[in-house]
């Protein structure tokens, strides 16, 4: 029984204050009278927000976000640039859509422009293998990274021959890296022929720089 109720307080048939949302807190003290069914509420009838992020526990998909963290409508830490790294961890918060990023949210690009070959050759020199060791160490440390190996040539010779040569250069690097223990699933190869020079083909130095392989991260 509810023998004492305040004036103007809505009561049920037993004379007890109404609890319209059935949250266990009667209407006259319920500060949040429209809570969802089965929601856990505090003494004021308001949905609990255990981590204090502004999203009630009943809707919070990330119920233990650190205090002061900005969250989305589901209570999860924001990822403003949509790179898969939340803002609280993102050291590069404005990466472009679609860019591959590392664990800090920064764009990843592994490139060995200047990884050169002899004219008309796709054989790996001792110097080339030393440079490849750097890439191999990077891939060993970051086992989720996948790369595309892109071969290039200078402008000497027929276009069709240059295309095949660029493909052979990329594939030679790919096979060598597989021999060194990098999974074939993480490596792709592509030849560009003479189409993407990094220097003028009018000088010996320029042509040497264009006989190269580049590495592009395709997945992190």
N, C-alpha and C. Protein backbone atom coordinates (compact mmCIF):
# COMPACT_ATOMS: atom_id res chain seq x y z
N UNK A 1 0.84 -1.19 0.00
CA UNK A 1 0.00 0.00 0.00
C UNK A 1 0.88 1.25 0.00
N UNK A 2 0.29 2.33 -0.49
CA UNK A 2 1.01 3.60 -0.54
C UNK A 2 0.14 4.65 0.14
N UNK A 3 0.18 4.67 1.47
CA UNK A 3 -0.75 5.54 2.19
C UNK A 3 -0.44 7.02 2.05
N UNK A 4 0.80 7.37 1.68
CA UNK A 4 1.16 8.78 1.63
C UNK A 4 1.68 9.11 0.24
N UNK A 5 0.99 9.99 -0.44
CA UNK A 5 1.46 10.49 -1.74
C UNK A 5 1.30 11.99 -1.76
N UNK A 6 2.16 12.63 -2.52
CA UNK A 6 2.11 14.08 -2.59
C UNK A 6 0.95 14.56 -3.43
N UNK A 7 0.56 15.79 -3.17
CA UNK A 7 -0.54 16.37 -3.91
C UNK A 7 -0.15 16.50 -5.39
N UNK A 8 -1.08 16.10 -6.26
CA UNK A 8 -0.85 16.23 -7.69
C UNK A 8 -0.07 15.10 -8.30
N UNK A 9 0.36 14.11 -7.51
CA UNK A 9 1.12 12.98 -8.02
C UNK A 9 0.16 11.95 -8.61
N UNK A 10 0.39 11.55 -9.85
CA UNK A 10 -0.46 10.54 -10.48
C UNK A 10 -0.25 9.21 -9.79
N UNK A 11 -1.35 8.52 -9.51
CA UNK A 11 -1.28 7.24 -8.80
C UNK A 11 -2.02 6.17 -9.58
N UNK A 12 -1.72 4.92 -9.24
CA UNK A 12 -2.42 3.80 -9.86
C UNK A 12 -3.63 3.44 -9.01
N UNK A 13 -4.25 2.29 -9.32
CA UNK A 13 -5.48 1.89 -8.63
C UNK A 13 -5.25 1.61 -7.16
N UNK A 14 -4.03 1.34 -6.78
CA UNK A 14 -3.72 1.07 -5.36
C UNK A 14 -3.37 2.35 -4.61
N UNK A 15 -3.32 3.46 -5.36
CA UNK A 15 -2.95 4.72 -4.71
C UNK A 15 -1.47 4.95 -4.66
N UNK A 16 -0.72 4.17 -5.45
CA UNK A 16 0.74 4.31 -5.47
C UNK A 16 1.17 5.14 -6.68
N UNK A 17 2.26 5.90 -6.55
CA UNK A 17 2.75 6.69 -7.68
C UNK A 17 3.00 5.80 -8.89
N UNK A 18 2.59 6.31 -10.03
CA UNK A 18 2.75 5.55 -11.27
C UNK A 18 4.23 5.43 -11.68
N UNK A 19 4.55 4.28 -12.29
CA UNK A 19 5.86 4.05 -12.92
C UNK A 19 5.58 3.70 -14.37
N UNK A 20 5.36 4.73 -15.17
CA UNK A 20 4.86 4.54 -16.53
C UNK A 20 5.84 3.76 -17.42
N UNK A 21 7.13 3.92 -17.20
CA UNK A 21 8.07 3.20 -18.06
C UNK A 21 8.59 1.91 -17.44
N UNK A 22 8.02 1.55 -16.30
CA UNK A 22 8.34 0.26 -15.66
C UNK A 22 9.84 0.06 -15.42
N UNK A 23 10.49 1.13 -15.00
CA UNK A 23 11.93 1.00 -14.74
C UNK A 23 12.25 0.88 -13.26
N UNK A 24 11.19 0.85 -12.44
CA UNK A 24 11.39 0.70 -11.01
C UNK A 24 11.48 2.01 -10.27
N UNK A 25 11.41 3.14 -11.01
CA UNK A 25 11.45 4.46 -10.39
C UNK A 25 10.13 5.14 -10.69
N UNK A 26 9.41 5.49 -9.65
CA UNK A 26 8.07 6.05 -9.85
C UNK A 26 8.13 7.45 -10.46
N UNK A 27 7.03 7.80 -11.12
CA UNK A 27 6.98 9.00 -11.93
C UNK A 27 7.34 10.28 -11.22
N UNK A 28 6.98 10.42 -9.92
CA UNK A 28 7.21 11.70 -9.25
C UNK A 28 8.68 11.97 -8.98
N UNK A 29 9.55 10.93 -9.04
CA UNK A 29 10.99 11.16 -8.86
C UNK A 29 11.78 10.73 -10.10
N UNK A 30 11.07 10.28 -11.14
CA UNK A 30 11.73 9.78 -12.36
C UNK A 30 12.13 10.97 -13.25
N UNK A 31 13.42 11.22 -13.32
CA UNK A 31 13.91 12.32 -14.15
C UNK A 31 13.94 11.97 -15.62
N UNK A 32 13.81 10.68 -15.94
CA UNK A 32 13.84 10.23 -17.34
C UNK A 32 12.65 9.28 -17.52
N UNK A 33 11.46 9.83 -17.64
CA UNK A 33 10.25 9.00 -17.60
C UNK A 33 9.98 8.15 -18.84
N UNK A 34 10.83 8.25 -19.85
CA UNK A 34 10.56 7.50 -21.08
C UNK A 34 11.64 6.51 -21.43
N UNK A 35 12.31 5.93 -20.43
CA UNK A 35 13.39 4.98 -20.72
C UNK A 35 12.85 3.74 -21.41
N UNK A 36 13.72 3.11 -22.18
CA UNK A 36 13.33 1.91 -22.92
C UNK A 36 13.08 0.76 -21.97
N UNK A 37 12.24 -0.16 -22.40
CA UNK A 37 11.95 -1.34 -21.60
C UNK A 37 13.23 -2.12 -21.34
N UNK A 38 13.39 -2.63 -20.14
CA UNK A 38 14.53 -3.45 -19.71
C UNK A 38 15.83 -2.66 -19.57
N UNK A 39 15.78 -1.35 -19.75
CA UNK A 39 17.00 -0.55 -19.57
C UNK A 39 17.36 -0.49 -18.09
N UNK A 40 18.65 -0.61 -17.78
CA UNK A 40 19.11 -0.47 -16.40
C UNK A 40 19.24 1.02 -16.09
N UNK A 41 18.63 1.45 -15.00
CA UNK A 41 18.60 2.88 -14.69
C UNK A 41 19.21 3.15 -13.32
N UNK A 42 19.53 4.44 -13.11
CA UNK A 42 20.03 4.85 -11.81
C UNK A 42 18.88 5.24 -10.90
N UNK A 43 19.18 5.83 -9.74
CA UNK A 43 18.14 6.15 -8.76
C UNK A 43 17.20 7.24 -9.25
N UNK A 44 17.59 7.94 -10.30
CA UNK A 44 16.73 8.98 -10.86
C UNK A 44 15.91 8.49 -12.04
N UNK A 45 16.04 7.21 -12.35
CA UNK A 45 15.28 6.64 -13.46
C UNK A 45 15.90 6.88 -14.81
N UNK A 46 17.16 7.31 -14.84
CA UNK A 46 17.85 7.56 -16.10
C UNK A 46 18.78 6.39 -16.44
N UNK A 47 18.91 6.14 -17.75
CA UNK A 47 19.72 5.02 -18.21
C UNK A 47 21.16 5.18 -17.73
N UNK A 48 21.71 4.11 -17.20
CA UNK A 48 23.09 4.14 -16.74
C UNK A 48 24.04 4.38 -17.91
N UNK A 49 25.07 5.15 -17.64
CA UNK A 49 26.14 5.41 -18.60
C UNK A 49 27.44 5.16 -17.85
N UNK A 50 27.81 3.88 -17.76
CA UNK A 50 28.90 3.48 -16.87
C UNK A 50 30.22 4.14 -17.20
N UNK A 51 30.50 4.37 -18.50
CA UNK A 51 31.78 4.97 -18.84
C UNK A 51 31.70 6.48 -19.06
N UNK A 52 30.51 7.06 -18.82
CA UNK A 52 30.37 8.50 -18.87
C UNK A 52 30.64 9.14 -20.22
N UNK A 53 30.31 8.41 -21.29
CA UNK A 53 30.58 8.95 -22.63
C UNK A 53 29.36 9.59 -23.28
N UNK A 54 28.26 9.63 -22.54
CA UNK A 54 27.05 10.24 -23.07
C UNK A 54 26.14 9.29 -23.79
N UNK A 55 26.52 8.04 -23.88
CA UNK A 55 25.69 7.01 -24.51
C UNK A 55 25.33 5.98 -23.45
N UNK A 56 24.02 5.83 -23.20
CA UNK A 56 23.57 4.92 -22.17
C UNK A 56 24.00 3.49 -22.41
N UNK A 57 24.17 2.76 -21.32
CA UNK A 57 24.65 1.38 -21.41
C UNK A 57 23.82 0.51 -22.34
N UNK A 58 22.51 0.76 -22.38
CA UNK A 58 21.64 -0.09 -23.20
C UNK A 58 21.92 0.07 -24.69
N UNK A 59 22.55 1.19 -25.10
CA UNK A 59 22.87 1.42 -26.51
C UNK A 59 24.37 1.42 -26.78
N UNK A 60 25.16 1.32 -25.73
CA UNK A 60 26.61 1.48 -25.86
C UNK A 60 27.26 0.18 -26.34
N UNK A 61 27.80 0.23 -27.58
CA UNK A 61 28.47 -0.94 -28.15
C UNK A 61 29.91 -1.05 -27.66
N UNK A 62 30.41 0.02 -27.06
CA UNK A 62 31.77 0.05 -26.52
C UNK A 62 31.69 0.62 -25.10
N UNK A 63 31.27 -0.21 -24.13
CA UNK A 63 30.89 0.30 -22.81
C UNK A 63 32.04 0.67 -21.89
N UNK A 64 33.28 0.55 -22.34
CA UNK A 64 34.40 0.88 -21.45
C UNK A 64 35.37 1.86 -22.12
N UNK A 65 34.86 2.82 -22.88
CA UNK A 65 35.74 3.81 -23.48
C UNK A 65 36.36 4.69 -22.39
N UNK A 66 37.62 5.11 -22.57
CA UNK A 66 38.28 5.94 -21.55
C UNK A 66 37.54 7.25 -21.32
N UNK A 67 37.62 7.76 -20.13
CA UNK A 67 36.96 9.01 -19.78
C UNK A 67 37.46 10.14 -20.68
N UNK A 68 36.51 10.95 -21.17
CA UNK A 68 36.86 12.09 -22.00
C UNK A 68 37.01 11.79 -23.47
N UNK A 69 36.86 10.52 -23.86
CA UNK A 69 37.01 10.14 -25.25
C UNK A 69 35.76 10.51 -26.05
N UNK A 70 35.96 11.12 -27.22
CA UNK A 70 34.83 11.43 -28.09
C UNK A 70 34.34 10.13 -28.74
N UNK A 71 33.02 9.96 -28.75
CA UNK A 71 32.45 8.72 -29.26
C UNK A 71 31.37 9.01 -30.28
N UNK A 72 31.01 7.96 -31.05
CA UNK A 72 29.91 8.08 -32.00
C UNK A 72 28.59 7.73 -31.32
N UNK A 73 27.53 7.59 -32.09
CA UNK A 73 26.21 7.35 -31.53
C UNK A 73 26.09 5.99 -30.85
N UNK A 74 27.01 5.10 -31.14
CA UNK A 74 27.00 3.78 -30.51
C UNK A 74 27.94 3.70 -29.31
N UNK A 75 28.54 4.84 -28.96
CA UNK A 75 29.42 4.86 -27.80
C UNK A 75 30.83 4.39 -28.08
N UNK A 76 31.19 4.28 -29.37
CA UNK A 76 32.53 3.80 -29.73
C UNK A 76 33.41 4.97 -30.15
N UNK A 77 34.69 4.84 -29.89
CA UNK A 77 35.64 5.89 -30.20
C UNK A 77 35.57 6.28 -31.66
N UNK A 78 35.60 7.56 -31.95
CA UNK A 78 35.50 8.07 -33.31
C UNK A 78 36.72 7.69 -34.14
N UNK A 79 36.47 7.46 -35.42
CA UNK A 79 37.53 7.27 -36.41
C UNK A 79 37.23 8.25 -37.53
N UNK A 80 37.62 9.50 -37.33
CA UNK A 80 37.18 10.59 -38.20
C UNK A 80 37.59 10.42 -39.65
N UNK A 81 38.80 9.86 -39.90
CA UNK A 81 39.24 9.72 -41.28
C UNK A 81 38.98 8.33 -41.86
N UNK A 82 38.25 7.50 -41.09
CA UNK A 82 37.78 6.20 -41.57
C UNK A 82 38.93 5.31 -42.06
N UNK A 83 40.05 5.33 -41.34
CA UNK A 83 41.19 4.51 -41.76
C UNK A 83 41.34 3.24 -40.93
N UNK A 84 40.41 3.03 -40.01
CA UNK A 84 40.47 1.83 -39.18
C UNK A 84 41.22 2.02 -37.88
N UNK A 85 41.78 3.21 -37.67
CA UNK A 85 42.49 3.53 -36.43
C UNK A 85 41.72 4.64 -35.72
N UNK A 86 41.28 4.38 -34.51
CA UNK A 86 40.45 5.35 -33.80
C UNK A 86 41.24 6.62 -33.50
N UNK A 87 40.49 7.73 -33.37
CA UNK A 87 41.11 9.04 -33.18
C UNK A 87 42.06 9.07 -31.99
N UNK A 88 41.71 8.37 -30.93
CA UNK A 88 42.54 8.42 -29.72
C UNK A 88 43.91 7.80 -29.95
N UNK A 89 44.03 6.92 -30.97
CA UNK A 89 45.30 6.26 -31.29
C UNK A 89 45.94 6.81 -32.56
N UNK A 90 45.21 7.62 -33.32
CA UNK A 90 45.62 8.04 -34.65
C UNK A 90 46.61 9.20 -34.60
N UNK A 91 47.84 8.95 -35.04
CA UNK A 91 48.87 9.98 -35.07
C UNK A 91 48.82 10.79 -36.37
N UNK A 92 48.06 10.30 -37.35
CA UNK A 92 47.91 10.99 -38.63
C UNK A 92 46.41 11.05 -38.92
N UNK A 93 45.68 11.97 -38.27
CA UNK A 93 44.21 11.94 -38.27
C UNK A 93 43.54 12.38 -39.56
N UNK A 94 44.32 12.75 -40.58
CA UNK A 94 43.70 13.24 -41.81
C UNK A 94 44.15 12.48 -43.04
N UNK A 95 44.41 11.17 -42.90
CA UNK A 95 44.81 10.39 -44.06
C UNK A 95 43.66 10.32 -45.07
N UNK A 96 44.01 10.23 -46.35
CA UNK A 96 43.02 10.21 -47.41
C UNK A 96 42.29 8.87 -47.44
N UNK A 97 41.03 8.91 -47.87
CA UNK A 97 40.22 7.71 -47.96
C UNK A 97 40.90 6.68 -48.85
N UNK A 98 40.99 5.44 -48.36
CA UNK A 98 41.55 4.36 -49.15
C UNK A 98 43.04 4.13 -48.97
N UNK A 99 43.74 5.05 -48.30
CA UNK A 99 45.17 4.86 -48.09
C UNK A 99 45.42 3.75 -47.08
N UNK A 100 46.46 2.97 -47.33
CA UNK A 100 46.87 1.94 -46.38
C UNK A 100 47.65 2.62 -45.25
N UNK A 101 47.30 2.30 -44.01
CA UNK A 101 47.95 2.93 -42.87
C UNK A 101 48.53 1.89 -41.94
N UNK A 102 49.46 2.34 -41.10
CA UNK A 102 50.03 1.46 -40.09
C UNK A 102 49.21 1.53 -38.81
N UNK A 103 49.71 0.92 -37.75
CA UNK A 103 48.96 0.88 -36.51
C UNK A 103 48.76 2.23 -35.85
N UNK A 104 49.51 3.25 -36.30
CA UNK A 104 49.36 4.60 -35.77
C UNK A 104 48.47 5.46 -36.66
N UNK A 105 47.92 4.86 -37.73
CA UNK A 105 47.03 5.61 -38.62
C UNK A 105 47.75 6.42 -39.66
N UNK A 106 49.03 6.16 -39.87
CA UNK A 106 49.81 6.92 -40.84
C UNK A 106 50.01 6.13 -42.13
N UNK A 107 49.98 6.84 -43.26
CA UNK A 107 50.09 6.22 -44.57
C UNK A 107 51.39 5.44 -44.70
N UNK A 108 51.28 4.22 -45.24
CA UNK A 108 52.44 3.36 -45.42
C UNK A 108 52.82 3.31 -46.89
N UNK A 109 54.07 3.55 -47.18
CA UNK A 109 54.58 3.45 -48.54
C UNK A 109 56.00 2.95 -48.45
N UNK A 110 56.23 1.74 -48.93
CA UNK A 110 57.58 1.20 -48.97
C UNK A 110 58.06 1.31 -50.41
N UNK A 111 59.07 2.09 -50.66
CA UNK A 111 59.55 2.30 -52.03
C UNK A 111 61.05 2.24 -52.07
N UNK A 112 61.57 1.57 -53.09
CA UNK A 112 63.01 1.54 -53.31
C UNK A 112 63.33 2.08 -54.69
N UNK A 113 62.83 3.27 -54.99
CA UNK A 113 63.25 3.91 -56.22
C UNK A 113 64.77 4.03 -56.18
N UNK A 114 65.45 3.62 -57.25
CA UNK A 114 66.90 3.59 -57.23
C UNK A 114 67.42 2.18 -57.01
N UNK A 115 66.51 1.22 -56.87
CA UNK A 115 66.88 -0.19 -56.81
C UNK A 115 67.13 -0.60 -58.27
N UNK A 116 68.39 -0.51 -58.71
CA UNK A 116 68.68 -0.50 -60.15
C UNK A 116 69.17 -1.84 -60.69
N UNK A 117 69.01 -1.98 -61.99
CA UNK A 117 69.45 -3.15 -62.74
C UNK A 117 70.40 -2.71 -63.85
N UNK A 118 71.20 -3.66 -64.32
CA UNK A 118 72.03 -3.41 -65.49
C UNK A 118 71.14 -3.34 -66.73
N UNK A 119 71.63 -2.73 -67.76
CA UNK A 119 70.87 -2.62 -69.01
C UNK A 119 70.45 -4.00 -69.51
N UNK A 120 69.16 -4.13 -69.85
CA UNK A 120 68.59 -5.37 -70.43
C UNK A 120 68.68 -6.56 -69.48
N UNK A 121 68.87 -6.33 -68.19
CA UNK A 121 69.04 -7.42 -67.23
C UNK A 121 67.96 -7.38 -66.16
N UNK A 122 67.63 -8.57 -65.66
CA UNK A 122 66.77 -8.63 -64.48
C UNK A 122 67.42 -9.47 -63.37
N UNK A 123 68.73 -9.66 -63.50
CA UNK A 123 69.46 -10.36 -62.46
C UNK A 123 69.68 -9.47 -61.25
N UNK A 124 69.61 -10.06 -60.06
CA UNK A 124 69.77 -9.29 -58.81
C UNK A 124 71.25 -9.23 -58.43
N UNK A 125 71.76 -8.03 -58.31
CA UNK A 125 73.14 -7.84 -57.91
C UNK A 125 73.26 -7.95 -56.39
N UNK A 126 74.51 -8.02 -55.91
CA UNK A 126 74.73 -8.05 -54.47
C UNK A 126 74.17 -6.80 -53.81
N UNK A 127 74.35 -5.65 -54.46
CA UNK A 127 73.81 -4.40 -53.92
C UNK A 127 72.30 -4.42 -53.86
N UNK A 128 71.67 -5.00 -54.89
CA UNK A 128 70.21 -5.09 -54.91
C UNK A 128 69.71 -5.95 -53.76
N UNK A 129 70.41 -7.03 -53.50
CA UNK A 129 69.99 -7.92 -52.41
C UNK A 129 70.16 -7.24 -51.06
N UNK A 130 71.16 -6.39 -50.92
CA UNK A 130 71.31 -5.65 -49.66
C UNK A 130 70.12 -4.71 -49.45
N UNK A 131 69.69 -4.05 -50.54
CA UNK A 131 68.54 -3.17 -50.42
C UNK A 131 67.27 -3.97 -50.13
N UNK A 132 67.15 -5.12 -50.75
CA UNK A 132 65.98 -5.96 -50.51
C UNK A 132 65.90 -6.42 -49.07
N UNK A 133 67.05 -6.58 -48.44
CA UNK A 133 67.06 -7.03 -47.05
C UNK A 133 66.29 -6.05 -46.16
N UNK A 134 66.32 -4.74 -46.51
CA UNK A 134 65.59 -3.74 -45.73
C UNK A 134 64.08 -3.97 -45.83
N UNK A 135 63.63 -4.24 -47.05
CA UNK A 135 62.20 -4.47 -47.25
C UNK A 135 61.78 -5.76 -46.56
N UNK A 136 62.60 -6.78 -46.68
CA UNK A 136 62.28 -8.06 -46.06
C UNK A 136 62.16 -7.92 -44.54
N UNK A 137 63.06 -7.15 -43.93
CA UNK A 137 62.98 -6.93 -42.47
C UNK A 137 61.68 -6.21 -42.11
N UNK A 138 61.29 -5.24 -42.94
CA UNK A 138 60.03 -4.52 -42.69
C UNK A 138 58.85 -5.48 -42.74
N UNK A 139 58.83 -6.35 -43.74
CA UNK A 139 57.72 -7.29 -43.87
C UNK A 139 57.72 -8.34 -42.76
N UNK A 140 58.89 -8.70 -42.29
CA UNK A 140 58.97 -9.66 -41.18
C UNK A 140 58.41 -9.05 -39.90
N UNK A 141 58.65 -7.75 -39.70
CA UNK A 141 58.17 -7.08 -38.49
C UNK A 141 56.67 -6.80 -38.55
N UNK A 142 56.15 -6.59 -39.76
CA UNK A 142 54.73 -6.26 -39.94
C UNK A 142 54.10 -7.33 -40.82
N UNK A 143 53.68 -8.40 -40.19
CA UNK A 143 53.25 -9.58 -40.94
C UNK A 143 51.93 -9.39 -41.69
N UNK A 144 51.22 -8.30 -41.43
CA UNK A 144 49.96 -8.07 -42.14
C UNK A 144 50.14 -7.30 -43.45
N UNK A 145 51.32 -6.72 -43.65
CA UNK A 145 51.56 -5.90 -44.84
C UNK A 145 51.69 -6.76 -46.09
N UNK A 146 50.99 -6.36 -47.15
CA UNK A 146 51.13 -6.95 -48.47
C UNK A 146 51.70 -5.89 -49.41
N UNK A 147 52.53 -6.29 -50.35
CA UNK A 147 53.11 -5.32 -51.27
C UNK A 147 52.98 -5.76 -52.72
N UNK A 148 52.95 -4.75 -53.58
CA UNK A 148 53.01 -4.97 -55.03
C UNK A 148 54.39 -4.53 -55.51
N UNK A 149 55.09 -5.41 -56.18
CA UNK A 149 56.43 -5.13 -56.69
C UNK A 149 56.29 -4.67 -58.13
N UNK A 150 56.71 -3.44 -58.40
CA UNK A 150 56.50 -2.84 -59.72
C UNK A 150 57.84 -2.65 -60.43
N UNK A 151 57.97 -3.29 -61.58
CA UNK A 151 59.20 -3.20 -62.36
C UNK A 151 59.13 -2.12 -63.43
N UNK A 152 60.30 -1.51 -63.72
CA UNK A 152 60.39 -0.43 -64.70
C UNK A 152 61.66 -0.58 -65.54
N UNK A 153 61.68 0.08 -66.69
CA UNK A 153 62.85 0.06 -67.56
C UNK A 153 63.18 1.48 -68.02
N UNK A 154 64.36 1.60 -68.67
CA UNK A 154 64.65 2.86 -69.36
C UNK A 154 64.02 2.77 -70.76
N UNK A 155 64.31 3.74 -71.60
CA UNK A 155 63.62 3.83 -72.89
C UNK A 155 64.35 3.12 -74.03
N UNK A 156 65.48 2.49 -73.73
CA UNK A 156 66.23 1.79 -74.77
C UNK A 156 65.49 0.52 -75.19
N UNK A 157 65.49 0.23 -76.49
CA UNK A 157 64.89 -1.00 -76.98
C UNK A 157 63.44 -0.86 -77.34
N UNK A 158 62.88 -1.96 -77.86
CA UNK A 158 61.49 -1.97 -78.30
C UNK A 158 60.54 -1.96 -77.11
N UNK A 159 59.39 -1.36 -77.30
CA UNK A 159 58.42 -1.23 -76.21
C UNK A 159 57.99 -2.59 -75.66
N UNK A 160 57.72 -3.55 -76.55
CA UNK A 160 57.28 -4.88 -76.10
C UNK A 160 58.36 -5.56 -75.28
N UNK A 161 59.62 -5.42 -75.71
CA UNK A 161 60.72 -6.02 -74.95
C UNK A 161 60.87 -5.37 -73.58
N UNK A 162 60.69 -4.05 -73.53
CA UNK A 162 60.77 -3.35 -72.25
C UNK A 162 59.66 -3.78 -71.29
N UNK A 163 58.48 -4.03 -71.84
CA UNK A 163 57.38 -4.49 -71.00
C UNK A 163 57.72 -5.83 -70.36
N UNK A 164 58.21 -6.76 -71.20
CA UNK A 164 58.58 -8.09 -70.67
C UNK A 164 59.71 -7.97 -69.65
N UNK A 165 60.68 -7.10 -69.94
CA UNK A 165 61.81 -6.93 -69.04
C UNK A 165 61.35 -6.39 -67.69
N UNK A 166 60.45 -5.43 -67.71
CA UNK A 166 59.94 -4.87 -66.44
C UNK A 166 59.20 -5.94 -65.64
N UNK A 167 58.43 -6.78 -66.33
CA UNK A 167 57.72 -7.87 -65.65
C UNK A 167 58.71 -8.86 -65.05
N UNK A 168 59.77 -9.17 -65.80
CA UNK A 168 60.78 -10.11 -65.31
C UNK A 168 61.51 -9.55 -64.09
N UNK A 169 61.77 -8.24 -64.10
CA UNK A 169 62.44 -7.62 -62.96
C UNK A 169 61.59 -7.72 -61.69
N UNK A 170 60.32 -7.40 -61.83
CA UNK A 170 59.42 -7.48 -60.68
C UNK A 170 59.29 -8.91 -60.18
N UNK A 171 59.19 -9.85 -61.12
CA UNK A 171 59.02 -11.25 -60.72
C UNK A 171 60.30 -11.81 -60.11
N UNK A 172 61.46 -11.37 -60.59
CA UNK A 172 62.73 -11.82 -60.02
C UNK A 172 62.83 -11.40 -58.55
N UNK A 173 62.41 -10.18 -58.27
CA UNK A 173 62.42 -9.70 -56.89
C UNK A 173 61.42 -10.49 -56.05
N UNK A 174 60.25 -10.73 -56.60
CA UNK A 174 59.22 -11.50 -55.88
C UNK A 174 59.73 -12.89 -55.52
N UNK A 175 60.34 -13.59 -56.49
CA UNK A 175 60.83 -14.95 -56.22
C UNK A 175 61.92 -14.93 -55.16
N UNK A 176 62.80 -13.93 -55.23
CA UNK A 176 63.87 -13.85 -54.25
C UNK A 176 63.31 -13.64 -52.84
N UNK A 177 62.31 -12.78 -52.71
CA UNK A 177 61.73 -12.52 -51.40
C UNK A 177 61.02 -13.75 -50.85
N UNK A 178 60.39 -14.52 -51.73
CA UNK A 178 59.76 -15.77 -51.30
C UNK A 178 60.83 -16.73 -50.79
N UNK A 179 61.97 -16.80 -51.50
CA UNK A 179 63.08 -17.66 -51.07
C UNK A 179 63.60 -17.25 -49.70
N UNK A 180 63.45 -15.96 -49.38
CA UNK A 180 63.92 -15.46 -48.08
C UNK A 180 62.87 -15.61 -46.97
N UNK A 181 61.75 -16.24 -47.30
CA UNK A 181 60.78 -16.56 -46.27
C UNK A 181 59.51 -15.73 -46.24
N UNK A 182 59.35 -14.77 -47.16
CA UNK A 182 58.12 -13.98 -47.21
C UNK A 182 57.05 -14.76 -47.96
N UNK A 183 55.86 -14.85 -47.38
CA UNK A 183 54.78 -15.62 -47.99
C UNK A 183 54.41 -15.08 -49.37
N UNK A 184 54.24 -15.98 -50.32
CA UNK A 184 53.85 -15.59 -51.68
C UNK A 184 52.51 -14.87 -51.68
N UNK A 185 51.66 -15.17 -50.72
CA UNK A 185 50.34 -14.54 -50.65
C UNK A 185 50.44 -13.04 -50.40
N UNK A 186 51.56 -12.60 -49.87
CA UNK A 186 51.73 -11.19 -49.53
C UNK A 186 52.38 -10.38 -50.63
N UNK A 187 52.75 -11.05 -51.72
CA UNK A 187 53.54 -10.40 -52.76
C UNK A 187 52.86 -10.51 -54.12
N UNK A 188 52.76 -9.41 -54.82
CA UNK A 188 52.27 -9.40 -56.20
C UNK A 188 53.31 -8.67 -57.04
N UNK A 189 53.36 -8.97 -58.34
CA UNK A 189 54.32 -8.29 -59.21
C UNK A 189 53.62 -7.70 -60.42
N UNK A 190 54.18 -6.61 -60.93
CA UNK A 190 53.58 -5.89 -62.05
C UNK A 190 54.67 -5.18 -62.82
N UNK A 191 54.59 -5.21 -64.15
CA UNK A 191 55.56 -4.51 -64.98
C UNK A 191 54.95 -3.29 -65.64
N UNK A 192 55.68 -2.18 -65.60
CA UNK A 192 55.21 -0.94 -66.22
C UNK A 192 55.97 -0.57 -67.49
N UNK A 193 56.96 -1.38 -67.86
CA UNK A 193 57.74 -1.03 -69.03
C UNK A 193 58.44 0.30 -68.85
N UNK A 194 58.32 1.16 -69.87
CA UNK A 194 58.99 2.46 -69.85
C UNK A 194 58.03 3.58 -69.48
N UNK A 195 56.82 3.23 -69.08
CA UNK A 195 55.74 4.22 -68.94
C UNK A 195 55.84 5.14 -67.73
N UNK A 196 56.67 4.80 -66.73
CA UNK A 196 56.69 5.60 -65.49
C UNK A 196 58.11 5.96 -65.08
N UNK A 197 58.80 6.76 -65.89
CA UNK A 197 60.18 7.13 -65.52
C UNK A 197 60.21 8.07 -64.33
N UNK A 198 61.30 8.01 -63.58
CA UNK A 198 61.51 8.95 -62.47
C UNK A 198 62.60 9.96 -62.81
N UNK A 199 63.20 9.79 -63.97
CA UNK A 199 64.26 10.70 -64.42
C UNK A 199 64.27 10.72 -65.95
N UNK A 200 65.01 11.64 -66.52
CA UNK A 200 65.11 11.76 -67.97
C UNK A 200 65.86 10.56 -68.55
N UNK A 201 65.37 10.06 -69.67
CA UNK A 201 66.06 8.98 -70.37
C UNK A 201 67.09 9.51 -71.36
N UNK A 202 67.38 10.80 -71.28
CA UNK A 202 68.35 11.42 -72.20
C UNK A 202 69.77 11.35 -71.66
N UNK A 203 69.94 10.89 -70.42
CA UNK A 203 71.28 10.78 -69.83
C UNK A 203 71.49 9.38 -69.28
N UNK A 204 72.75 9.00 -69.15
CA UNK A 204 73.07 7.68 -68.59
C UNK A 204 72.58 7.57 -67.15
N UNK A 205 72.77 8.66 -66.39
CA UNK A 205 72.32 8.64 -64.99
C UNK A 205 70.80 8.48 -64.91
N UNK A 206 70.08 9.21 -65.76
CA UNK A 206 68.63 9.12 -65.75
C UNK A 206 68.15 7.73 -66.12
N UNK A 207 68.75 7.15 -67.15
CA UNK A 207 68.35 5.80 -67.55
C UNK A 207 68.64 4.79 -66.46
N UNK A 208 69.78 4.96 -65.78
CA UNK A 208 70.11 4.06 -64.67
C UNK A 208 69.05 4.13 -63.58
N UNK A 209 68.59 5.32 -63.27
CA UNK A 209 67.56 5.49 -62.22
C UNK A 209 66.23 4.88 -62.64
N UNK A 210 65.95 4.87 -63.92
CA UNK A 210 64.68 4.33 -64.41
C UNK A 210 64.67 2.80 -64.47
N UNK A 211 65.84 2.16 -64.48
CA UNK A 211 65.90 0.70 -64.46
C UNK A 211 65.77 0.25 -63.01
N UNK A 212 64.55 0.14 -62.54
CA UNK A 212 64.33 0.03 -61.10
C UNK A 212 63.12 -0.86 -60.77
N UNK A 213 62.97 -1.10 -59.48
CA UNK A 213 61.77 -1.73 -58.91
C UNK A 213 61.29 -0.85 -57.78
N UNK A 214 59.98 -0.62 -57.71
CA UNK A 214 59.36 0.09 -56.59
C UNK A 214 58.46 -0.87 -55.83
N UNK A 215 58.26 -0.58 -54.57
CA UNK A 215 57.37 -1.37 -53.72
C UNK A 215 56.20 -0.50 -53.26
N UNK A 216 55.00 -0.97 -53.44
CA UNK A 216 53.81 -0.23 -53.02
C UNK A 216 53.01 -1.11 -52.07
N UNK A 217 52.73 -0.60 -50.89
CA UNK A 217 51.91 -1.35 -49.93
C UNK A 217 50.45 -1.38 -50.42
N UNK A 218 49.88 -2.56 -50.51
CA UNK A 218 48.51 -2.71 -50.96
C UNK A 218 47.55 -3.11 -49.86
N UNK A 219 48.10 -3.58 -48.74
CA UNK A 219 47.26 -4.00 -47.62
C UNK A 219 48.09 -3.95 -46.37
N UNK A 220 47.45 -3.50 -45.28
CA UNK A 220 48.14 -3.44 -44.00
C UNK A 220 47.42 -4.27 -42.96
